[in-house]
Amino acid sequence: MDEFRSEVKELQIGQKVRELRQQQRLTLQALSQATELSKPLLSQIENDQVIPPLATLLRIAKALHIPLQTFFEEEANTRKCLVVRADDAQRMNRRPSHGGAPQPYFYHSLAYGKKHKHMEPFLVEFDPALTDQSQPVSHPGEEFFYILEGQVELTHGADTYILNIGDSVYWDSNEPHRLRALGTEIAHGIAVLYPRN
């Protein structure tokens, strides 16, 4: 629990959500209506009790009229080139232990801190034990995914694709889509989101 809390506080996603909401003079109720997310969930996010999955962050970003990458930027970081060492990748979206629903994946920002970026790259880890939690999502933009380990199923609109190690896929995010691990092994991949706002 302490490890989860320290990681959440370090990422400061909840603090950023609260600050952006307050800057726009929105109540939690107004943000809840705009995102179709519950007030208790938004409160947990703002209080650093839950790190939201990417689909939830995208809904919040859209409601606040900001790009997704705002949540992964550092105000003082003006470097033109950002190197993220293997030991520095921050694991995000640990399963909350107090009321939040478990998510079927973890994500690691591979460009955390870089300002003014147009793409958002992540290392994604899919837990096959939680595939039932996975729901289709849609949002403006495009996505690219490359499979590093395991086997992943992509459902995009009415089509389903089985992706193996070394396979890659690029899709329009406006169509409902879902990724989930197949089999019993954890699957890993590199995802790059271009969240057109």
N, C-alpha and C. Protein backbone atom coordinates (compact mmCIF):
# COMPACT_ATOMS: atom_id res chain seq x y z
N MET A 1 0.83 -1.20 0.00
CA MET A 1 0.00 0.00 0.00
C MET A 1 0.87 1.25 0.00
N ASP A 2 1.90 1.28 0.83
CA ASP A 2 2.78 2.45 0.89
C ASP A 2 3.46 2.68 -0.44
N GLU A 3 3.85 1.57 -1.13
CA GLU A 3 4.51 1.68 -2.42
C GLU A 3 3.56 2.30 -3.43
N PHE A 4 2.29 1.85 -3.41
CA PHE A 4 1.28 2.40 -4.31
C PHE A 4 1.10 3.89 -4.05
N ARG A 5 0.94 4.27 -2.77
CA ARG A 5 0.71 5.67 -2.42
C ARG A 5 1.87 6.55 -2.86
N SER A 6 3.10 6.08 -2.65
CA SER A 6 4.26 6.90 -3.01
C SER A 6 4.35 7.08 -4.51
N GLU A 7 4.03 6.03 -5.28
CA GLU A 7 4.07 6.16 -6.74
C GLU A 7 3.02 7.14 -7.22
N VAL A 8 1.81 7.05 -6.66
CA VAL A 8 0.74 7.94 -7.08
C VAL A 8 1.12 9.39 -6.78
N LYS A 9 1.64 9.62 -5.58
CA LYS A 9 2.00 10.99 -5.20
C LYS A 9 3.11 11.53 -6.09
N GLU A 10 4.05 10.69 -6.46
CA GLU A 10 5.16 11.13 -7.30
C GLU A 10 4.65 11.56 -8.67
N LEU A 11 3.68 10.84 -9.21
CA LEU A 11 3.15 11.16 -10.54
C LEU A 11 2.25 12.38 -10.52
N GLN A 12 1.58 12.65 -9.40
CA GLN A 12 0.77 13.84 -9.18
C GLN A 12 -0.36 14.01 -10.21
N ILE A 13 -0.86 12.90 -10.71
CA ILE A 13 -1.96 12.99 -11.68
C ILE A 13 -3.20 13.56 -11.00
N GLY A 14 -3.51 13.08 -9.81
CA GLY A 14 -4.69 13.58 -9.11
C GLY A 14 -4.61 15.07 -8.85
N GLN A 15 -3.44 15.52 -8.43
CA GLN A 15 -3.24 16.95 -8.16
C GLN A 15 -3.46 17.77 -9.43
N LYS A 16 -2.96 17.25 -10.56
CA LYS A 16 -3.13 17.96 -11.83
C LYS A 16 -4.60 18.02 -12.22
N VAL A 17 -5.32 16.92 -12.04
CA VAL A 17 -6.75 16.91 -12.36
C VAL A 17 -7.48 17.96 -11.53
N ARG A 18 -7.20 17.98 -10.22
CA ARG A 18 -7.87 18.94 -9.34
C ARG A 18 -7.55 20.38 -9.73
N GLU A 19 -6.26 20.66 -9.96
CA GLU A 19 -5.86 22.02 -10.32
C GLU A 19 -6.51 22.48 -11.61
N LEU A 20 -6.53 21.60 -12.61
CA LEU A 20 -7.13 21.96 -13.90
C LEU A 20 -8.63 22.17 -13.76
N ARG A 21 -9.27 21.31 -12.97
CA ARG A 21 -10.72 21.45 -12.76
C ARG A 21 -11.02 22.78 -12.06
N GLN A 22 -10.24 23.10 -11.02
CA GLN A 22 -10.48 24.32 -10.28
C GLN A 22 -10.18 25.57 -11.11
N GLN A 23 -9.13 25.48 -11.96
CA GLN A 23 -8.82 26.62 -12.84
C GLN A 23 -9.99 26.93 -13.76
N GLN A 24 -10.71 25.91 -14.14
CA GLN A 24 -11.86 26.09 -15.04
C GLN A 24 -13.16 26.30 -14.26
N ARG A 25 -13.04 26.40 -12.94
CA ARG A 25 -14.17 26.65 -12.05
C ARG A 25 -15.28 25.62 -12.24
N LEU A 26 -14.85 24.36 -12.35
CA LEU A 26 -15.81 23.26 -12.46
C LEU A 26 -15.93 22.56 -11.12
N THR A 27 -17.14 22.18 -10.76
CA THR A 27 -17.34 21.36 -9.57
C THR A 27 -17.07 19.90 -9.94
N LEU A 28 -16.90 19.06 -8.92
CA LEU A 28 -16.77 17.62 -9.19
C LEU A 28 -18.01 17.10 -9.91
N GLN A 29 -19.18 17.63 -9.52
CA GLN A 29 -20.43 17.21 -10.15
C GLN A 29 -20.41 17.55 -11.65
N ALA A 30 -19.94 18.75 -11.99
CA ALA A 30 -19.90 19.17 -13.40
C ALA A 30 -18.93 18.30 -14.19
N LEU A 31 -17.77 17.98 -13.59
CA LEU A 31 -16.80 17.13 -14.26
C LEU A 31 -17.36 15.71 -14.41
N SER A 32 -18.08 15.27 -13.39
CA SER A 32 -18.70 13.95 -13.44
C SER A 32 -19.69 13.87 -14.60
N GLN A 33 -20.49 14.89 -14.78
CA GLN A 33 -21.48 14.91 -15.87
C GLN A 33 -20.78 14.96 -17.23
N ALA A 34 -19.71 15.75 -17.32
CA ALA A 34 -19.02 15.91 -18.60
C ALA A 34 -18.28 14.64 -19.02
N THR A 35 -17.79 13.88 -18.03
CA THR A 35 -17.01 12.67 -18.33
C THR A 35 -17.83 11.39 -18.26
N GLU A 36 -19.02 11.47 -17.64
CA GLU A 36 -19.84 10.30 -17.35
C GLU A 36 -19.11 9.34 -16.42
N LEU A 37 -18.25 9.91 -15.56
CA LEU A 37 -17.57 9.15 -14.51
C LEU A 37 -18.19 9.54 -13.17
N SER A 38 -18.21 8.62 -12.22
CA SER A 38 -18.85 8.91 -10.94
C SER A 38 -18.05 9.92 -10.12
N LYS A 39 -18.77 10.68 -9.30
CA LYS A 39 -18.10 11.63 -8.40
C LYS A 39 -17.14 10.92 -7.45
N PRO A 40 -17.52 9.75 -6.86
CA PRO A 40 -16.57 9.07 -5.97
C PRO A 40 -15.28 8.67 -6.68
N LEU A 41 -15.38 8.21 -7.94
CA LEU A 41 -14.17 7.84 -8.67
C LEU A 41 -13.30 9.07 -8.93
N LEU A 42 -13.91 10.16 -9.37
CA LEU A 42 -13.16 11.40 -9.61
C LEU A 42 -12.50 11.90 -8.32
N SER A 43 -13.21 11.78 -7.22
CA SER A 43 -12.65 12.18 -5.93
C SER A 43 -11.45 11.32 -5.56
N GLN A 44 -11.56 10.00 -5.79
CA GLN A 44 -10.43 9.10 -5.52
C GLN A 44 -9.23 9.45 -6.40
N ILE A 45 -9.49 9.80 -7.65
CA ILE A 45 -8.40 10.19 -8.55
C ILE A 45 -7.73 11.46 -8.04
N GLU A 46 -8.54 12.47 -7.70
CA GLU A 46 -7.99 13.74 -7.24
C GLU A 46 -7.24 13.61 -5.92
N ASN A 47 -7.63 12.64 -5.09
CA ASN A 47 -6.99 12.44 -3.79
C ASN A 47 -5.87 11.40 -3.84
N ASP A 48 -5.41 11.08 -5.06
CA ASP A 48 -4.29 10.16 -5.24
C ASP A 48 -4.53 8.78 -4.65
N GLN A 49 -5.78 8.33 -4.67
CA GLN A 49 -6.08 6.98 -4.21
C GLN A 49 -6.14 6.00 -5.36
N VAL A 50 -6.41 6.51 -6.57
CA VAL A 50 -6.52 5.69 -7.77
C VAL A 50 -5.80 6.39 -8.91
N ILE A 51 -4.99 5.65 -9.65
CA ILE A 51 -4.43 6.18 -10.89
C ILE A 51 -5.37 5.72 -11.99
N PRO A 52 -5.95 6.64 -12.74
CA PRO A 52 -6.94 6.23 -13.73
C PRO A 52 -6.32 5.54 -14.92
N PRO A 53 -7.04 4.57 -15.51
CA PRO A 53 -6.56 3.97 -16.75
C PRO A 53 -6.57 5.03 -17.86
N LEU A 54 -5.87 4.74 -18.94
CA LEU A 54 -5.73 5.73 -20.01
C LEU A 54 -7.06 6.17 -20.58
N ALA A 55 -8.01 5.25 -20.74
CA ALA A 55 -9.31 5.63 -21.30
C ALA A 55 -10.01 6.65 -20.40
N THR A 56 -9.88 6.48 -19.08
CA THR A 56 -10.48 7.43 -18.14
C THR A 56 -9.78 8.77 -18.21
N LEU A 57 -8.45 8.75 -18.29
CA LEU A 57 -7.69 10.01 -18.41
C LEU A 57 -8.08 10.75 -19.69
N LEU A 58 -8.29 10.01 -20.76
CA LEU A 58 -8.70 10.64 -22.02
C LEU A 58 -10.05 11.33 -21.87
N ARG A 59 -10.96 10.71 -21.14
CA ARG A 59 -12.28 11.32 -20.94
C ARG A 59 -12.17 12.60 -20.11
N ILE A 60 -11.30 12.55 -19.09
CA ILE A 60 -11.09 13.74 -18.26
C ILE A 60 -10.44 14.86 -19.08
N ALA A 61 -9.43 14.49 -19.87
CA ALA A 61 -8.75 15.49 -20.71
C ALA A 61 -9.73 16.14 -21.68
N LYS A 62 -10.58 15.34 -22.29
CA LYS A 62 -11.55 15.87 -23.25
C LYS A 62 -12.52 16.83 -22.55
N ALA A 63 -12.99 16.45 -21.36
CA ALA A 63 -13.93 17.29 -20.62
C ALA A 63 -13.28 18.61 -20.20
N LEU A 64 -11.98 18.57 -19.93
CA LEU A 64 -11.25 19.78 -19.51
C LEU A 64 -10.68 20.55 -20.71
N HIS A 65 -10.87 20.02 -21.92
CA HIS A 65 -10.39 20.66 -23.15
C HIS A 65 -8.88 20.85 -23.14
N ILE A 66 -8.19 19.78 -22.73
CA ILE A 66 -6.72 19.81 -22.71
C ILE A 66 -6.21 18.54 -23.39
N PRO A 67 -4.97 18.57 -23.89
CA PRO A 67 -4.41 17.35 -24.47
C PRO A 67 -4.06 16.34 -23.38
N LEU A 68 -4.14 15.06 -23.72
CA LEU A 68 -3.80 13.98 -22.77
C LEU A 68 -2.41 14.19 -22.18
N GLN A 69 -1.46 14.64 -23.02
CA GLN A 69 -0.08 14.73 -22.56
C GLN A 69 0.12 15.72 -21.42
N THR A 70 -0.86 16.60 -21.16
CA THR A 70 -0.77 17.54 -20.03
C THR A 70 -0.51 16.79 -18.72
N PHE A 71 -1.08 15.59 -18.59
CA PHE A 71 -0.94 14.83 -17.35
C PHE A 71 0.45 14.23 -17.19
N PHE A 72 1.24 14.20 -18.27
CA PHE A 72 2.56 13.57 -18.23
C PHE A 72 3.68 14.58 -18.48
N GLU A 73 3.38 15.86 -18.32
CA GLU A 73 4.37 16.92 -18.52
C GLU A 73 4.83 17.48 -17.19
N GLU A 74 6.03 18.01 -17.18
CA GLU A 74 6.53 18.77 -16.04
C GLU A 74 6.72 20.20 -16.50
N GLU A 75 6.17 21.14 -15.74
CA GLU A 75 6.16 22.54 -16.14
C GLU A 75 7.55 23.08 -16.45
N ALA A 76 8.54 22.68 -15.65
CA ALA A 76 9.89 23.24 -15.79
C ALA A 76 10.75 22.49 -16.81
N ASN A 77 10.22 21.43 -17.39
CA ASN A 77 11.02 20.61 -18.28
C ASN A 77 10.98 21.17 -19.71
N THR A 78 12.06 21.82 -20.13
CA THR A 78 12.10 22.42 -21.46
C THR A 78 13.10 21.71 -22.38
N ARG A 79 13.58 20.52 -21.96
CA ARG A 79 14.54 19.80 -22.80
C ARG A 79 13.94 19.42 -24.14
N LYS A 80 14.75 19.52 -25.18
CA LYS A 80 14.29 19.14 -26.52
C LYS A 80 14.44 17.65 -26.77
N CYS A 81 15.28 16.98 -25.96
CA CYS A 81 15.49 15.54 -26.09
C CYS A 81 15.37 14.92 -24.70
N LEU A 82 14.54 13.91 -24.58
CA LEU A 82 14.32 13.26 -23.28
C LEU A 82 14.69 11.79 -23.40
N VAL A 83 15.60 11.34 -22.54
CA VAL A 83 15.97 9.93 -22.49
C VAL A 83 15.38 9.35 -21.21
N VAL A 84 14.66 8.25 -21.34
CA VAL A 84 14.13 7.55 -20.16
C VAL A 84 14.88 6.24 -20.04
N ARG A 85 15.68 6.12 -18.98
CA ARG A 85 16.45 4.90 -18.75
C ARG A 85 15.54 3.79 -18.26
N ALA A 86 15.96 2.55 -18.47
CA ALA A 86 15.14 1.40 -18.09
C ALA A 86 14.74 1.45 -16.62
N ASP A 87 15.64 1.88 -15.76
CA ASP A 87 15.34 1.93 -14.32
C ASP A 87 14.41 3.07 -13.95
N ASP A 88 14.21 4.03 -14.87
CA ASP A 88 13.41 5.22 -14.55
C ASP A 88 11.94 5.08 -14.91
N ALA A 89 11.59 4.09 -15.74
CA ALA A 89 10.20 3.95 -16.18
C ALA A 89 9.31 3.75 -14.96
N GLN A 90 8.28 4.56 -14.86
CA GLN A 90 7.40 4.49 -13.70
C GLN A 90 6.18 3.65 -14.02
N ARG A 91 5.96 2.64 -13.20
CA ARG A 91 4.80 1.77 -13.42
C ARG A 91 3.57 2.50 -12.90
N MET A 92 2.57 2.57 -13.74
CA MET A 92 1.36 3.29 -13.36
C MET A 92 0.17 2.34 -13.37
N ASN A 93 -0.89 2.80 -12.70
CA ASN A 93 -2.15 2.09 -12.68
C ASN A 93 -2.08 0.78 -11.92
N ARG A 94 -1.38 0.82 -10.77
CA ARG A 94 -1.43 -0.35 -9.89
C ARG A 94 -2.87 -0.58 -9.46
N ARG A 95 -3.19 -1.83 -9.22
CA ARG A 95 -4.54 -2.15 -8.81
C ARG A 95 -4.86 -1.47 -7.48
N PRO A 96 -5.89 -0.63 -7.45
CA PRO A 96 -6.24 0.01 -6.18
C PRO A 96 -6.75 -1.01 -5.18
N SER A 97 -6.45 -0.79 -3.91
CA SER A 97 -6.85 -1.77 -2.90
C SER A 97 -8.00 -1.26 -2.04
N HIS A 98 -8.61 -0.13 -2.45
CA HIS A 98 -9.69 0.41 -1.63
C HIS A 98 -10.83 0.92 -2.50
N GLY A 99 -11.50 -0.01 -3.16
CA GLY A 99 -12.75 0.34 -3.80
C GLY A 99 -12.71 0.52 -5.30
N GLY A 100 -11.58 0.87 -5.88
CA GLY A 100 -11.53 1.06 -7.32
C GLY A 100 -11.51 -0.29 -8.04
N ALA A 101 -12.10 -0.33 -9.22
CA ALA A 101 -12.12 -1.58 -9.98
C ALA A 101 -10.73 -1.87 -10.54
N PRO A 102 -10.28 -3.13 -10.49
CA PRO A 102 -8.99 -3.46 -11.08
C PRO A 102 -9.04 -3.28 -12.58
N GLN A 103 -7.94 -2.85 -13.16
CA GLN A 103 -7.86 -2.63 -14.59
C GLN A 103 -7.09 -3.78 -15.23
N PRO A 104 -7.35 -4.05 -16.53
CA PRO A 104 -6.72 -5.21 -17.16
C PRO A 104 -5.29 -4.93 -17.63
N TYR A 105 -4.76 -3.74 -17.36
CA TYR A 105 -3.41 -3.43 -17.81
C TYR A 105 -2.74 -2.43 -16.88
N PHE A 106 -1.42 -2.39 -16.97
CA PHE A 106 -0.62 -1.36 -16.33
C PHE A 106 0.02 -0.56 -17.45
N TYR A 107 0.35 0.69 -17.19
CA TYR A 107 1.06 1.43 -18.21
C TYR A 107 2.20 2.22 -17.61
N HIS A 108 3.26 2.36 -18.39
CA HIS A 108 4.47 3.05 -17.98
C HIS A 108 4.71 4.16 -19.01
N SER A 109 4.71 5.40 -18.58
CA SER A 109 4.99 6.49 -19.51
C SER A 109 6.46 6.43 -19.92
N LEU A 110 6.70 6.48 -21.23
CA LEU A 110 8.08 6.44 -21.73
C LEU A 110 8.58 7.82 -22.13
N ALA A 111 7.79 8.85 -21.83
CA ALA A 111 8.24 10.22 -22.11
C ALA A 111 7.75 11.16 -21.02
N TYR A 112 7.66 10.64 -19.79
CA TYR A 112 7.12 11.44 -18.69
C TYR A 112 7.97 12.68 -18.47
N GLY A 113 7.34 13.83 -18.41
CA GLY A 113 8.03 15.08 -18.14
C GLY A 113 8.20 15.95 -19.36
N LYS A 114 8.31 15.35 -20.55
CA LYS A 114 8.55 16.13 -21.77
C LYS A 114 7.34 17.00 -22.09
N LYS A 115 7.60 18.29 -22.32
CA LYS A 115 6.52 19.22 -22.65
C LYS A 115 6.32 19.31 -24.16
N HIS A 116 5.13 19.73 -24.55
CA HIS A 116 4.79 20.04 -25.94
C HIS A 116 5.00 18.86 -26.88
N LYS A 117 4.69 17.67 -26.43
CA LYS A 117 4.81 16.52 -27.32
C LYS A 117 3.46 16.21 -27.95
N HIS A 118 3.49 15.65 -29.14
CA HIS A 118 2.26 15.36 -29.85
C HIS A 118 1.86 13.89 -29.74
N MET A 119 2.80 13.05 -29.32
CA MET A 119 2.53 11.63 -29.14
C MET A 119 2.75 11.29 -27.66
N GLU A 120 2.12 10.21 -27.21
CA GLU A 120 2.30 9.76 -25.83
C GLU A 120 2.66 8.28 -25.87
N PRO A 121 3.96 7.93 -25.67
CA PRO A 121 4.38 6.53 -25.73
C PRO A 121 4.32 5.86 -24.35
N PHE A 122 3.89 4.60 -24.35
CA PHE A 122 3.77 3.84 -23.11
C PHE A 122 4.28 2.42 -23.30
N LEU A 123 4.86 1.86 -22.23
CA LEU A 123 5.06 0.42 -22.14
C LEU A 123 3.81 -0.10 -21.44
N VAL A 124 3.12 -1.05 -22.05
CA VAL A 124 1.85 -1.53 -21.51
C VAL A 124 1.99 -3.00 -21.15
N GLU A 125 1.46 -3.36 -19.98
CA GLU A 125 1.49 -4.73 -19.48
C GLU A 125 0.06 -5.19 -19.26
N PHE A 126 -0.33 -6.25 -19.95
CA PHE A 126 -1.70 -6.77 -19.86
C PHE A 126 -1.73 -8.00 -18.98
N ASP A 127 -2.63 -8.01 -18.03
CA ASP A 127 -2.80 -9.13 -17.11
C ASP A 127 -3.95 -10.00 -17.62
N PRO A 128 -3.66 -11.22 -18.08
CA PRO A 128 -4.74 -12.07 -18.62
C PRO A 128 -5.78 -12.46 -17.57
N ALA A 129 -5.42 -12.38 -16.29
CA ALA A 129 -6.38 -12.72 -15.24
C ALA A 129 -7.47 -11.66 -15.11
N LEU A 130 -7.26 -10.48 -15.71
CA LEU A 130 -8.23 -9.39 -15.56
C LEU A 130 -8.89 -9.02 -16.88
N THR A 131 -8.89 -9.93 -17.85
CA THR A 131 -9.42 -9.57 -19.17
C THR A 131 -10.91 -9.26 -19.12
N ASP A 132 -11.64 -9.80 -18.17
CA ASP A 132 -13.08 -9.52 -18.09
C ASP A 132 -13.35 -8.07 -17.74
N GLN A 133 -12.35 -7.36 -17.18
CA GLN A 133 -12.53 -5.96 -16.80
C GLN A 133 -12.41 -5.03 -18.01
N SER A 134 -11.92 -5.54 -19.12
CA SER A 134 -11.62 -4.71 -20.28
C SER A 134 -12.90 -4.37 -21.05
N GLN A 135 -13.11 -3.08 -21.29
CA GLN A 135 -14.28 -2.63 -22.04
C GLN A 135 -13.82 -1.84 -23.26
N PRO A 136 -14.56 -1.91 -24.37
CA PRO A 136 -14.19 -1.11 -25.54
C PRO A 136 -14.26 0.39 -25.23
N VAL A 137 -13.34 1.15 -25.81
CA VAL A 137 -13.32 2.60 -25.64
C VAL A 137 -13.15 3.24 -27.02
N SER A 138 -13.53 4.50 -27.13
CA SER A 138 -13.27 5.25 -28.35
C SER A 138 -12.97 6.69 -27.96
N HIS A 139 -12.13 7.34 -28.74
CA HIS A 139 -11.73 8.72 -28.47
C HIS A 139 -11.06 9.26 -29.72
N PRO A 140 -11.00 10.57 -29.87
CA PRO A 140 -10.34 11.12 -31.05
C PRO A 140 -8.86 10.75 -31.08
N GLY A 141 -8.34 10.48 -32.26
CA GLY A 141 -6.91 10.25 -32.39
C GLY A 141 -6.57 8.97 -33.10
N GLU A 142 -5.30 8.60 -32.99
CA GLU A 142 -4.76 7.41 -33.61
C GLU A 142 -3.86 6.70 -32.61
N GLU A 143 -3.68 5.39 -32.80
CA GLU A 143 -2.82 4.62 -31.89
C GLU A 143 -1.98 3.64 -32.68
N PHE A 144 -0.81 3.35 -32.12
CA PHE A 144 0.09 2.35 -32.68
C PHE A 144 0.45 1.40 -31.55
N PHE A 145 0.51 0.10 -31.85
CA PHE A 145 0.85 -0.88 -30.81
C PHE A 145 1.78 -1.93 -31.39
N TYR A 146 2.84 -2.25 -30.66
CA TYR A 146 3.83 -3.26 -31.07
C TYR A 146 3.94 -4.29 -29.96
N ILE A 147 3.81 -5.58 -30.30
CA ILE A 147 3.83 -6.65 -29.30
C ILE A 147 5.26 -7.09 -28.99
N LEU A 148 5.62 -7.01 -27.72
CA LEU A 148 6.94 -7.45 -27.26
C LEU A 148 6.92 -8.87 -26.72
N GLU A 149 5.88 -9.21 -25.96
CA GLU A 149 5.77 -10.54 -25.33
C GLU A 149 4.31 -10.92 -25.24
N GLY A 150 4.05 -12.22 -25.31
CA GLY A 150 2.71 -12.73 -25.12
C GLY A 150 1.87 -12.63 -26.38
N GLN A 151 0.57 -12.74 -26.20
CA GLN A 151 -0.39 -12.69 -27.30
C GLN A 151 -1.54 -11.77 -26.88
N VAL A 152 -1.91 -10.86 -27.77
CA VAL A 152 -2.93 -9.86 -27.46
C VAL A 152 -4.01 -9.89 -28.52
N GLU A 153 -5.25 -9.74 -28.08
CA GLU A 153 -6.37 -9.64 -29.00
C GLU A 153 -6.80 -8.18 -29.09
N LEU A 154 -6.89 -7.67 -30.31
CA LEU A 154 -7.42 -6.33 -30.55
C LEU A 154 -8.79 -6.47 -31.20
N THR A 155 -9.79 -5.87 -30.58
CA THR A 155 -11.09 -5.73 -31.20
C THR A 155 -11.21 -4.28 -31.64
N HIS A 156 -11.44 -4.06 -32.93
CA HIS A 156 -11.54 -2.70 -33.48
C HIS A 156 -12.80 -2.66 -34.33
N GLY A 157 -13.80 -1.92 -33.85
CA GLY A 157 -15.09 -1.94 -34.53
C GLY A 157 -15.64 -3.34 -34.53
N ALA A 158 -15.97 -3.86 -35.71
CA ALA A 158 -16.53 -5.21 -35.82
C ALA A 158 -15.46 -6.26 -36.08
N ASP A 159 -14.19 -5.84 -36.18
CA ASP A 159 -13.11 -6.76 -36.51
C ASP A 159 -12.30 -7.16 -35.28
N THR A 160 -11.76 -8.39 -35.32
CA THR A 160 -10.91 -8.89 -34.24
C THR A 160 -9.60 -9.39 -34.85
N TYR A 161 -8.48 -9.01 -34.21
CA TYR A 161 -7.15 -9.40 -34.68
C TYR A 161 -6.39 -10.04 -33.53
N ILE A 162 -5.70 -11.14 -33.82
CA ILE A 162 -4.82 -11.78 -32.84
C ILE A 162 -3.40 -11.33 -33.16
N LEU A 163 -2.72 -10.74 -32.18
CA LEU A 163 -1.39 -10.17 -32.37
C LEU A 163 -0.37 -10.98 -31.58
N ASN A 164 0.71 -11.39 -32.26
CA ASN A 164 1.77 -12.17 -31.64
C ASN A 164 3.05 -11.34 -31.57
N ILE A 165 4.07 -11.88 -30.91
CA ILE A 165 5.35 -11.18 -30.75
C ILE A 165 5.85 -10.69 -32.10
N GLY A 166 6.20 -9.40 -32.16
CA GLY A 166 6.70 -8.81 -33.39
C GLY A 166 5.64 -8.20 -34.28
N ASP A 167 4.35 -8.51 -34.01
CA ASP A 167 3.28 -7.90 -34.79
C ASP A 167 3.07 -6.45 -34.33
N SER A 168 2.59 -5.63 -35.25
CA SER A 168 2.24 -4.26 -34.88
C SER A 168 0.94 -3.90 -35.57
N VAL A 169 0.28 -2.89 -35.03
CA VAL A 169 -1.00 -2.46 -35.58
C VAL A 169 -1.16 -0.96 -35.35
N TYR A 170 -1.77 -0.30 -36.32
CA TYR A 170 -2.02 1.14 -36.25
C TYR A 170 -3.51 1.32 -36.53
N TRP A 171 -4.23 2.06 -35.66
CA TRP A 171 -5.66 2.16 -35.87
C TRP A 171 -6.19 3.55 -35.54
N ASP A 172 -7.41 3.77 -36.05
CA ASP A 172 -8.16 4.99 -35.79
C ASP A 172 -8.88 4.80 -34.45
N SER A 173 -8.58 5.66 -33.49
CA SER A 173 -9.12 5.51 -32.14
C SER A 173 -10.58 5.93 -32.03
N ASN A 174 -11.13 6.54 -33.06
CA ASN A 174 -12.53 6.94 -33.02
C ASN A 174 -13.45 5.73 -33.02
N GLU A 175 -12.97 4.61 -33.58
CA GLU A 175 -13.74 3.37 -33.56
C GLU A 175 -13.61 2.72 -32.18
N PRO A 176 -14.69 2.12 -31.65
CA PRO A 176 -14.56 1.40 -30.37
C PRO A 176 -13.49 0.31 -30.50
N HIS A 177 -12.60 0.26 -29.51
CA HIS A 177 -11.51 -0.72 -29.57
C HIS A 177 -11.17 -1.22 -28.18
N ARG A 178 -10.58 -2.40 -28.14
CA ARG A 178 -10.21 -3.03 -26.87
C ARG A 178 -9.02 -3.94 -27.10
N LEU A 179 -8.06 -3.88 -26.19
CA LEU A 179 -6.91 -4.80 -26.20
C LEU A 179 -6.98 -5.67 -24.96
N ARG A 180 -6.71 -6.96 -25.12
CA ARG A 180 -6.66 -7.84 -23.95
C ARG A 180 -5.70 -8.98 -24.21
N ALA A 181 -5.09 -9.45 -23.14
CA ALA A 181 -4.14 -10.56 -23.25
C ALA A 181 -4.89 -11.87 -23.45
N LEU A 182 -4.30 -12.75 -24.25
CA LEU A 182 -4.83 -14.10 -24.43
C LEU A 182 -3.90 -15.08 -23.72
N GLY A 183 -4.40 -16.24 -23.41
CA GLY A 183 -3.57 -17.24 -22.75
C GLY A 183 -3.41 -16.96 -21.27
N THR A 184 -2.31 -17.43 -20.71
CA THR A 184 -2.10 -17.30 -19.25
C THR A 184 -0.91 -16.42 -18.91
N GLU A 185 -0.14 -15.99 -19.90
CA GLU A 185 1.06 -15.20 -19.62
C GLU A 185 0.79 -13.71 -19.74
N ILE A 186 1.49 -12.92 -18.91
CA ILE A 186 1.45 -11.47 -19.02
C ILE A 186 1.95 -11.07 -20.40
N ALA A 187 1.26 -10.15 -21.04
CA ALA A 187 1.67 -9.66 -22.36
C ALA A 187 2.21 -8.24 -22.22
N HIS A 188 3.23 -7.92 -23.01
CA HIS A 188 3.82 -6.58 -23.00
C HIS A 188 3.84 -6.02 -24.41
N GLY A 189 3.69 -4.71 -24.51
CA GLY A 189 3.78 -4.06 -25.80
C GLY A 189 4.10 -2.59 -25.63
N ILE A 190 4.47 -1.96 -26.74
CA ILE A 190 4.70 -0.52 -26.78
C ILE A 190 3.50 0.12 -27.45
N ALA A 191 2.86 1.05 -26.78
CA ALA A 191 1.72 1.77 -27.35
C ALA A 191 2.10 3.23 -27.53
N VAL A 192 1.74 3.79 -28.66
CA VAL A 192 1.95 5.21 -28.91
C VAL A 192 0.60 5.81 -29.25
N LEU A 193 0.17 6.77 -28.43
CA LEU A 193 -1.13 7.42 -28.64
C LEU A 193 -0.91 8.80 -29.24
N TYR A 194 -1.67 9.10 -30.26
CA TYR A 194 -1.73 10.46 -30.80
C TYR A 194 -3.16 10.92 -30.55
N PRO A 195 -3.40 11.53 -29.37
CA PRO A 195 -4.77 11.88 -28.99
C PRO A 195 -5.19 13.21 -29.61
N ARG A 196 -5.71 13.17 -30.83
CA ARG A 196 -6.13 14.37 -31.51
C ARG A 196 -7.26 15.03 -30.70
N ASN A 197 -7.09 16.29 -30.37
CA ASN A 197 -8.10 16.98 -29.54
C ASN A 197 -8.97 17.90 -30.38
